[in-house]
Amino acid sequence: MHKILKSFVIGLLMFPSVAVFAQSACNSDQLVIKVQGRYFSENDFNIHIDENPTVADILGDRGPYAVDVIGDGAKSPDEIVNYTLTGSRLLLTGLDTGSVTMEVTDSQGFSLRLRMHVNSLAEFVLPRQEFSIGGASLDGGKTFEERVDFGDQLALMSHLCPYADQIGNVVDILAVLRTQTQDGASTWYYVTGKNRFALWDTRLATLKPYLENFPLAENYTLTLFEGAANRTGRISFYIGFQNESGLVFNEIPETIIVEE
């Protein structure tokens, strides 16, 4: 366990802060597609596929579903990917380098369009779980913003999205936040509840959980902060959980820019 936690901290300190824009929670009542551990409920045009074959699960129990695949112009769709739809599971095989747009339509006529960039087979890597979807919200968690203005009333929120086989596991929830000023100075905090921050020296012995002995639920929202944006610069936060089986976390943080 100590080695796993050490790897978590190394990832926090060294992985570059890449902005991730997520617009909605994983919610069983809406059309949601899970691809390589990431949940999509809004059109997205920058999905990189790096596992062959890849399984895309359609969530929400709104079948039967229809799928339409459009090529990138240079190649026909079947030169880039083959797909088989069985119930709500979409199996992508025969992947070759290129881009396709895949549109899934449910029985109520709602559609979700995802543009997938298929990496070179030589660059395939194991996918990592996106444990949560979140960021800075101005509307109570319905949508999330990459940029906000100083003084905006907002909430830093995260919707947990565990896998089906993780639901019910008793875990400790971890939340770590970093602020960066315009001159690059960074400060780390761990979060133990809404608006409850403590300076963190990045040592494992001082990292305390947001929640202890928490049974993972299919839908649960953490609020790290609620109030007026009171500093400019970059805010990044990571969400994860740990138990005796190990640690799962968002290696790429949710990132927000607060502008003057």
Protein backbone atom coordinates (compact mmCIF):
# COMPACT_ATOMS: atom_id res chain seq x y z
CA MET A 1 0.00 0.00 0.00
CA HIS A 2 2.85 2.37 0.82
CA LYS A 3 4.29 1.99 -2.70
CA ILE A 4 0.88 2.65 -4.25
CA LEU A 5 0.40 5.83 -2.23
CA LYS A 6 3.93 6.94 -3.07
CA SER A 7 3.13 6.56 -6.78
CA PHE A 8 -0.04 8.63 -6.26
CA VAL A 9 1.92 11.51 -4.74
CA ILE A 10 4.59 11.35 -7.46
CA GLY A 11 1.80 11.58 -10.05
CA LEU A 12 0.33 14.62 -8.30
CA LEU A 13 3.63 16.44 -8.15
CA MET A 14 4.98 15.67 -11.61
CA PHE A 15 2.06 15.20 -14.01
CA PRO A 16 1.44 18.38 -16.04
CA SER A 17 -1.72 20.36 -15.37
CA VAL A 18 -3.90 19.63 -18.38
CA ALA A 19 -7.32 21.25 -18.54
CA VAL A 20 -10.20 18.81 -18.71
CA PHE A 21 -13.66 20.15 -19.57
CA ALA A 22 -16.44 17.87 -18.36
CA GLN A 23 -19.99 19.05 -18.76
CA SER A 24 -22.20 16.58 -16.93
CA ALA A 25 -22.37 13.87 -14.31
CA CYS A 26 -22.62 10.15 -14.87
CA ASN A 27 -26.37 9.82 -14.53
CA SER A 28 -28.36 6.71 -15.36
CA ASP A 29 -31.31 8.84 -16.56
CA GLN A 30 -29.47 10.35 -19.51
CA LEU A 31 -27.63 9.07 -22.55
CA VAL A 32 -24.08 8.43 -21.36
CA ILE A 33 -21.28 6.52 -23.07
CA LYS A 34 -18.31 5.10 -21.20
CA VAL A 35 -15.15 4.64 -23.26
CA GLN A 36 -11.90 3.46 -21.68
CA GLY A 37 -13.06 4.49 -18.22
CA ARG A 38 -14.26 7.96 -19.24
CA TYR A 39 -17.92 8.98 -19.15
CA PHE A 40 -19.35 11.20 -21.91
CA SER A 41 -22.81 12.79 -21.78
CA GLU A 42 -22.16 15.73 -24.13
CA ASN A 43 -20.74 15.83 -27.64
CA ASP A 44 -16.96 15.51 -27.48
CA PHE A 45 -14.55 15.78 -30.37
CA ASN A 46 -11.21 14.94 -28.79
CA ILE A 47 -11.32 11.31 -27.63
CA HIS A 48 -8.16 9.31 -28.13
CA ILE A 49 -8.60 5.55 -28.45
CA ASP A 50 -5.50 3.61 -27.46
CA GLU A 51 -6.69 0.06 -26.77
CA ASN A 52 -7.49 -2.59 -29.36
CA PRO A 53 -10.20 -3.80 -29.12
CA THR A 54 -12.09 -1.07 -27.25
CA VAL A 55 -15.46 -1.47 -25.53
CA ALA A 56 -17.91 1.44 -25.35
CA ASP A 57 -20.80 0.96 -22.91
CA ILE A 58 -24.01 2.93 -23.50
CA LEU A 59 -25.58 3.78 -20.14
CA GLY A 60 -29.05 4.97 -19.24
CA ASP A 61 -31.31 2.06 -20.30
CA ARG A 62 -32.76 3.91 -23.31
CA GLY A 63 -32.35 1.29 -26.02
CA PRO A 64 -32.63 0.06 -28.62
CA TYR A 65 -29.77 2.15 -29.95
CA ALA A 66 -28.65 3.07 -33.45
CA VAL A 67 -25.06 3.80 -34.43
CA ASP A 68 -23.74 5.80 -37.38
CA VAL A 69 -20.02 6.08 -38.15
CA ILE A 70 -18.53 8.79 -40.38
CA GLY A 71 -14.94 8.69 -41.65
CA ASP A 72 -12.42 11.53 -41.66
CA GLY A 73 -12.41 11.86 -45.46
CA ALA A 74 -8.98 10.31 -45.99
CA LYS A 75 -10.24 6.81 -45.18
CA SER A 76 -13.60 5.14 -45.16
CA PRO A 77 -14.97 4.33 -41.69
CA ASP A 78 -14.43 0.58 -42.05
CA GLU A 79 -10.75 1.22 -42.83
CA ILE A 80 -10.38 2.81 -39.39
CA VAL A 81 -12.70 0.81 -37.15
CA ASN A 82 -15.22 -2.02 -37.22
CA TYR A 83 -18.01 -2.07 -34.67
CA THR A 84 -20.53 -4.53 -33.31
CA LEU A 85 -23.52 -3.32 -31.26
CA THR A 86 -24.94 -5.89 -28.85
CA GLY A 87 -27.64 -4.42 -26.64
CA SER A 88 -25.92 -1.47 -24.99
CA ARG A 89 -22.34 -2.63 -25.58
CA LEU A 90 -20.40 -1.34 -28.57
CA LEU A 91 -17.29 -3.35 -29.47
CA LEU A 92 -14.71 -1.52 -31.59
CA THR A 93 -12.23 -3.74 -33.42
CA GLY A 94 -9.80 -3.63 -36.34
CA LEU A 95 -8.56 -0.23 -35.23
CA ASP A 96 -6.23 1.62 -37.57
CA THR A 97 -4.74 5.11 -37.36
CA GLY A 98 -7.24 7.83 -38.21
CA SER A 99 -10.33 9.66 -36.95
CA VAL A 100 -14.01 8.76 -37.05
CA THR A 101 -17.15 10.39 -35.75
CA MET A 102 -19.52 7.98 -34.05
CA GLU A 103 -23.10 9.06 -33.42
CA VAL A 104 -25.26 7.02 -31.03
CA THR A 105 -29.02 7.62 -30.99
CA ASP A 106 -31.35 6.21 -28.34
CA SER A 107 -34.99 5.13 -28.60
CA GLN A 108 -36.20 8.62 -27.63
CA GLY A 109 -34.32 10.28 -30.47
CA PHE A 110 -31.54 11.77 -28.35
CA SER A 111 -28.10 11.44 -29.85
CA LEU A 112 -24.53 11.74 -28.67
CA ARG A 113 -21.72 12.38 -31.12
CA LEU A 114 -18.13 11.45 -30.28
CA ARG A 115 -15.16 12.06 -32.54
CA MET A 116 -12.55 9.42 -31.84
CA HIS A 117 -8.90 9.70 -32.77
CA VAL A 118 -7.35 6.25 -33.11
CA ASN A 119 -3.69 6.25 -32.14
CA SER A 120 -1.01 4.27 -33.91
CA LEU A 121 -0.99 0.67 -32.70
CA ALA A 122 2.64 1.15 -31.71
CA GLU A 123 1.54 3.80 -29.20
CA PHE A 124 -1.18 1.80 -27.43
CA VAL A 125 -1.09 2.19 -23.65
CA LEU A 126 -3.27 0.86 -20.86
CA PRO A 127 -6.22 3.13 -20.12
CA ARG A 128 -6.59 4.81 -16.73
CA GLN A 129 -9.88 5.18 -14.91
CA GLU A 130 -11.50 8.58 -14.80
CA PHE A 131 -12.96 8.27 -11.31
CA SER A 132 -14.78 11.58 -11.31
CA ILE A 133 -16.20 14.31 -13.53
CA GLY A 134 -16.06 17.84 -12.24
CA GLY A 135 -14.62 21.32 -12.17
CA ALA A 136 -15.93 24.81 -11.47
CA SER A 137 -19.70 25.11 -11.79
CA LEU A 138 -21.82 28.25 -11.87
CA ASP A 139 -25.12 26.34 -11.95
CA GLY A 140 -24.95 23.76 -9.19
CA GLY A 141 -23.09 21.07 -11.08
CA LYS A 142 -25.09 20.89 -14.32
CA THR A 143 -22.16 22.22 -16.38
CA PHE A 144 -18.52 22.97 -15.69
CA GLU A 145 -16.36 25.85 -16.84
CA GLU A 146 -12.70 25.97 -17.82
CA ARG A 147 -12.48 29.70 -17.05
CA VAL A 148 -14.29 31.90 -14.55
CA ASP A 149 -13.94 35.51 -13.44
CA PHE A 150 -12.68 36.77 -10.10
CA GLY A 151 -15.67 37.26 -7.82
CA ASP A 152 -17.92 34.73 -9.59
CA GLN A 153 -20.12 32.69 -7.28
CA LEU A 154 -19.12 29.12 -8.01
CA ALA A 155 -18.71 25.64 -6.65
CA LEU A 156 -15.74 23.34 -7.10
CA MET A 157 -17.51 20.01 -7.45
CA SER A 158 -16.83 16.45 -8.51
CA HIS A 159 -19.31 13.73 -9.44
CA LEU A 160 -17.90 10.30 -8.58
CA CYS A 161 -18.17 7.73 -11.37
CA PRO A 162 -17.04 4.33 -10.08
CA TYR A 163 -17.17 1.19 -12.18
CA ALA A 164 -20.06 -1.18 -11.52
CA ASP A 165 -17.84 -3.67 -9.69
CA GLN A 166 -16.55 -0.89 -7.40
CA ILE A 167 -20.00 0.23 -6.19
CA GLY A 168 -20.49 -0.70 -2.56
CA ASN A 169 -16.78 -0.96 -1.78
CA VAL A 170 -15.89 0.81 1.46
CA VAL A 171 -13.12 3.32 0.77
CA ASP A 172 -11.50 6.54 1.91
CA ILE A 173 -12.12 9.43 -0.52
CA LEU A 174 -9.12 11.68 -1.14
CA ALA A 175 -9.21 15.25 -2.47
CA VAL A 176 -6.06 17.25 -3.12
CA LEU A 177 -6.02 20.80 -4.49
CA ARG A 178 -3.23 22.98 -5.85
CA THR A 179 -3.34 26.72 -6.48
CA GLN A 180 -0.89 28.45 -8.82
CA THR A 181 -0.37 32.18 -9.09
CA GLN A 182 0.40 33.95 -12.34
CA ASP A 183 4.10 33.94 -11.48
CA GLY A 184 4.04 30.14 -11.09
CA ALA A 185 4.12 29.81 -7.30
CA SER A 186 2.20 26.71 -6.12
CA THR A 187 0.48 25.85 -2.85
CA TRP A 188 -0.91 22.39 -2.04
CA TYR A 189 -3.91 21.59 0.15
CA TYR A 190 -5.81 18.50 1.15
CA VAL A 191 -9.58 18.85 1.50
CA THR A 192 -11.54 17.34 4.38
CA GLY A 193 -15.00 18.73 3.55
CA LYS A 194 -16.73 21.65 1.83
CA ASN A 195 -14.61 24.79 2.33
CA ARG A 196 -12.29 22.84 4.65
CA PHE A 197 -8.71 23.10 3.39
CA ALA A 198 -5.44 22.38 5.15
CA LEU A 199 -1.98 23.17 3.85
CA TRP A 200 -0.32 19.99 2.64
CA ASP A 201 3.42 19.40 2.71
CA THR A 202 3.03 16.51 0.18
CA ARG A 203 4.10 13.93 2.76
CA LEU A 204 2.04 10.74 2.90
CA ALA A 205 1.85 10.85 6.68
CA THR A 206 -0.05 14.15 6.64
CA LEU A 207 -2.55 13.38 3.84
CA LYS A 208 -6.05 13.13 5.35
CA PRO A 209 -9.20 11.95 3.55
CA TYR A 210 -12.26 13.93 2.52
CA LEU A 211 -14.42 11.00 3.65
CA GLU A 212 -13.50 7.91 5.64
CA ASN A 213 -15.07 4.44 5.36
CA PHE A 214 -17.40 5.61 2.60
CA PRO A 215 -19.48 3.00 0.67
CA LEU A 216 -19.04 3.92 -3.00
CA ALA A 217 -22.36 4.85 -4.59
CA GLU A 218 -23.27 5.03 -8.28
CA ASN A 219 -23.90 8.75 -8.03
CA TYR A 220 -22.31 10.92 -5.36
CA THR A 221 -21.20 14.54 -5.54
CA LEU A 222 -18.35 16.07 -3.56
CA THR A 223 -18.27 19.83 -3.05
CA LEU A 224 -14.78 21.07 -2.28
CA PHE A 225 -15.58 24.79 -2.24
CA GLU A 226 -18.64 26.99 -2.54
CA GLY A 227 -18.51 30.76 -2.61
CA ALA A 228 -16.91 33.65 -4.49
CA ALA A 229 -13.73 33.08 -6.49
CA ASN A 230 -11.33 35.04 -4.30
CA ARG A 231 -8.01 34.59 -6.08
CA THR A 232 -6.77 34.68 -9.64
CA GLY A 233 -4.60 32.07 -11.30
CA ARG A 234 -4.91 28.33 -11.83
CA ILE A 235 -6.73 25.90 -9.55
CA SER A 236 -6.29 22.15 -10.05
CA PHE A 237 -7.73 19.32 -8.01
CA TYR A 238 -7.49 15.56 -7.93
CA ILE A 239 -10.05 13.09 -6.59
CA GLY A 240 -9.30 9.49 -5.65
CA PHE A 241 -10.12 6.67 -3.30
CA GLN A 242 -8.15 4.03 -1.48
CA ASN A 243 -8.84 0.82 0.40
CA GLU A 244 -6.98 -2.40 1.08
CA SER A 245 -7.04 -3.20 -2.66
CA GLY A 246 -5.13 -0.10 -3.67
CA LEU A 247 -5.68 3.40 -4.98
CA VAL A 248 -7.66 4.87 -7.89
CA PHE A 249 -7.34 8.54 -8.79
CA ASN A 250 -7.66 11.04 -11.62
CA GLU A 251 -4.08 11.37 -12.76
CA ILE A 252 -5.03 14.35 -14.93
CA PRO A 253 -6.54 17.02 -12.66
CA GLU A 254 -9.65 19.09 -13.13
CA THR A 255 -8.24 22.55 -13.91
CA ILE A 256 -9.83 26.00 -13.73
CA ILE A 257 -8.42 29.41 -14.64
CA VAL A 258 -9.69 32.33 -12.56
CA GLU A 259 -9.28 35.55 -14.55
CA GLU A 260 -9.23 39.13 -13.32
